[in-house]
N, C-alpha and C. Protein backbone atom coordinates (compact mmCIF):
# COMPACT_ATOMS: atom_id res chain seq x y z
N MET A 1 -100.12 60.44 -37.18
CA MET A 1 -100.06 59.15 -37.84
C MET A 1 -101.47 58.72 -38.21
N ALA A 2 -101.61 58.11 -39.38
CA ALA A 2 -102.94 57.66 -39.83
C ALA A 2 -103.35 56.41 -39.08
N GLU A 3 -104.64 56.25 -38.92
CA GLU A 3 -105.17 55.12 -38.16
C GLU A 3 -105.62 53.98 -39.08
N GLY A 4 -105.41 52.73 -38.65
CA GLY A 4 -105.96 51.54 -39.31
C GLY A 4 -105.59 51.42 -40.78
N GLY A 5 -106.61 51.14 -41.61
CA GLY A 5 -106.42 50.93 -43.03
C GLY A 5 -106.07 52.20 -43.78
N ASP A 6 -106.32 53.36 -43.18
CA ASP A 6 -106.04 54.63 -43.85
C ASP A 6 -104.53 54.82 -44.07
N PHE A 7 -103.71 54.20 -43.24
CA PHE A 7 -102.26 54.36 -43.35
C PHE A 7 -101.76 53.93 -44.73
N TYR A 8 -102.28 52.80 -45.26
CA TYR A 8 -101.82 52.30 -46.55
C TYR A 8 -102.63 52.82 -47.72
N SER A 9 -103.83 53.28 -47.50
CA SER A 9 -104.68 53.67 -48.62
C SER A 9 -104.75 55.16 -48.87
N HIS A 10 -104.16 55.98 -48.04
CA HIS A 10 -104.34 57.43 -48.20
C HIS A 10 -103.68 57.98 -49.47
N ASP A 11 -102.62 57.33 -49.99
CA ASP A 11 -101.95 57.86 -51.17
C ASP A 11 -102.18 57.01 -52.42
N ARG A 12 -103.12 56.07 -52.37
CA ARG A 12 -103.40 55.23 -53.52
C ARG A 12 -104.47 55.88 -54.39
N PRO A 13 -104.41 55.60 -55.71
CA PRO A 13 -105.46 56.14 -56.59
C PRO A 13 -106.80 55.45 -56.35
N ASP A 14 -107.87 56.03 -56.87
CA ASP A 14 -109.21 55.45 -56.69
C ASP A 14 -109.30 54.06 -57.31
N SER A 15 -108.65 53.87 -58.47
CA SER A 15 -108.66 52.58 -59.16
C SER A 15 -107.23 52.06 -59.22
N PRO A 16 -106.76 51.30 -58.21
CA PRO A 16 -105.36 50.91 -58.16
C PRO A 16 -104.95 49.81 -59.13
N ARG A 17 -105.90 49.17 -59.86
CA ARG A 17 -105.53 48.12 -60.82
C ARG A 17 -104.82 48.72 -62.02
N LEU A 18 -103.68 48.16 -62.38
CA LEU A 18 -102.91 48.63 -63.52
C LEU A 18 -103.19 47.75 -64.73
N GLU A 19 -103.08 48.34 -65.90
CA GLU A 19 -103.20 47.57 -67.14
C GLU A 19 -101.98 46.68 -67.28
N GLU A 20 -102.14 45.57 -67.97
CA GLU A 20 -101.02 44.65 -68.19
C GLU A 20 -100.00 45.34 -69.10
N ASP A 21 -98.74 45.35 -68.67
CA ASP A 21 -97.73 46.08 -69.43
C ASP A 21 -96.87 45.19 -70.32
N ARG A 22 -97.16 43.89 -70.36
CA ARG A 22 -96.40 43.00 -71.23
C ARG A 22 -97.27 41.81 -71.63
N PRO A 23 -97.05 41.28 -72.81
CA PRO A 23 -97.85 40.13 -73.24
C PRO A 23 -97.44 38.87 -72.49
N ARG A 24 -98.34 37.92 -72.44
CA ARG A 24 -98.06 36.66 -71.74
C ARG A 24 -97.76 35.55 -72.75
N GLY A 25 -96.69 34.79 -72.50
CA GLY A 25 -96.37 33.59 -73.27
C GLY A 25 -95.94 33.86 -74.70
N GLY A 26 -95.43 32.80 -75.33
CA GLY A 26 -95.04 32.87 -76.73
C GLY A 26 -93.79 33.70 -76.95
N GLY A 27 -93.41 33.85 -78.17
CA GLY A 27 -92.27 34.68 -78.51
C GLY A 27 -90.98 33.90 -78.58
N PRO A 28 -89.92 34.55 -79.04
CA PRO A 28 -88.64 33.85 -79.24
C PRO A 28 -87.95 33.43 -77.95
N GLU A 29 -88.30 34.03 -76.83
CA GLU A 29 -87.64 33.69 -75.57
C GLU A 29 -88.52 32.80 -74.70
N GLU A 30 -89.34 31.99 -75.34
CA GLU A 30 -90.20 31.08 -74.59
C GLU A 30 -89.35 30.03 -73.88
N PRO A 31 -89.64 29.73 -72.62
CA PRO A 31 -88.80 28.79 -71.86
C PRO A 31 -88.64 27.42 -72.51
N ARG A 32 -89.68 26.91 -73.16
CA ARG A 32 -89.57 25.59 -73.79
C ARG A 32 -88.53 25.59 -74.90
N ALA A 33 -88.42 26.67 -75.65
CA ALA A 33 -87.45 26.75 -76.74
C ALA A 33 -86.03 26.75 -76.18
N ARG A 34 -85.81 27.42 -75.07
CA ARG A 34 -84.48 27.45 -74.46
C ARG A 34 -84.16 26.12 -73.78
N GLY A 35 -85.17 25.45 -73.26
CA GLY A 35 -84.96 24.20 -72.54
C GLY A 35 -84.43 23.08 -73.41
N SER A 36 -84.85 23.03 -74.68
CA SER A 36 -84.41 21.94 -75.55
C SER A 36 -82.91 22.04 -75.83
N LYS A 37 -82.39 23.24 -75.94
CA LYS A 37 -80.95 23.41 -76.15
C LYS A 37 -80.19 22.92 -74.92
N HIS A 38 -80.69 23.20 -73.75
CA HIS A 38 -80.06 22.77 -72.51
C HIS A 38 -80.02 21.24 -72.43
N ILE A 39 -81.10 20.59 -72.83
CA ILE A 39 -81.15 19.13 -72.79
C ILE A 39 -80.13 18.53 -73.75
N TRP A 40 -80.02 19.08 -74.95
CA TRP A 40 -79.06 18.55 -75.92
C TRP A 40 -77.62 18.76 -75.44
N LEU A 41 -77.36 19.85 -74.77
CA LEU A 41 -76.01 20.06 -74.23
C LEU A 41 -75.70 19.05 -73.12
N MET A 42 -76.67 18.72 -72.30
CA MET A 42 -76.46 17.73 -71.24
C MET A 42 -76.23 16.34 -71.84
N ILE A 43 -76.98 15.98 -72.86
CA ILE A 43 -76.80 14.69 -73.53
C ILE A 43 -75.41 14.62 -74.15
N LEU A 44 -74.99 15.68 -74.80
CA LEU A 44 -73.66 15.73 -75.41
C LEU A 44 -72.57 15.59 -74.34
N ALA A 45 -72.74 16.25 -73.20
CA ALA A 45 -71.76 16.18 -72.12
C ALA A 45 -71.67 14.75 -71.57
N VAL A 46 -72.79 14.07 -71.42
CA VAL A 46 -72.78 12.70 -70.92
C VAL A 46 -72.09 11.78 -71.92
N LEU A 47 -72.36 11.96 -73.21
CA LEU A 47 -71.71 11.14 -74.23
C LEU A 47 -70.20 11.35 -74.24
N VAL A 48 -69.77 12.59 -74.13
CA VAL A 48 -68.33 12.88 -74.09
C VAL A 48 -67.71 12.24 -72.85
N LEU A 49 -68.39 12.32 -71.73
CA LEU A 49 -67.89 11.71 -70.50
C LEU A 49 -67.77 10.19 -70.66
N LEU A 50 -68.75 9.56 -71.28
CA LEU A 50 -68.70 8.11 -71.52
C LEU A 50 -67.53 7.75 -72.42
N VAL A 51 -67.29 8.53 -73.46
CA VAL A 51 -66.16 8.26 -74.36
C VAL A 51 -64.83 8.39 -73.60
N ILE A 52 -64.72 9.42 -72.80
CA ILE A 52 -63.48 9.63 -72.03
C ILE A 52 -63.27 8.49 -71.06
N LEU A 53 -64.31 8.05 -70.35
CA LEU A 53 -64.19 6.94 -69.41
C LEU A 53 -63.85 5.63 -70.13
N THR A 54 -64.42 5.44 -71.32
CA THR A 54 -64.11 4.24 -72.10
C THR A 54 -62.65 4.23 -72.53
N VAL A 55 -62.12 5.36 -72.92
CA VAL A 55 -60.72 5.45 -73.34
C VAL A 55 -59.80 5.22 -72.13
N ILE A 56 -60.12 5.78 -70.99
CA ILE A 56 -59.27 5.66 -69.82
C ILE A 56 -59.27 4.24 -69.27
N PHE A 57 -60.47 3.64 -69.10
CA PHE A 57 -60.58 2.34 -68.45
C PHE A 57 -60.73 1.19 -69.45
N GLY A 58 -60.71 1.46 -70.76
CA GLY A 58 -60.95 0.42 -71.76
C GLY A 58 -59.74 -0.29 -72.24
């Protein structure tokens, strides 16, 4: 069995840092773009609920 720090480092390459494999931010799947649709759906659901409650109790 390897001793101390050698146990984890014996099979690592000399330069263990990897290049970035994907771009950061932006693009069509940006969270802010998806979030606005979610907000509009919640507003629509609340409005429909208010209309239904008004019809039932009005």
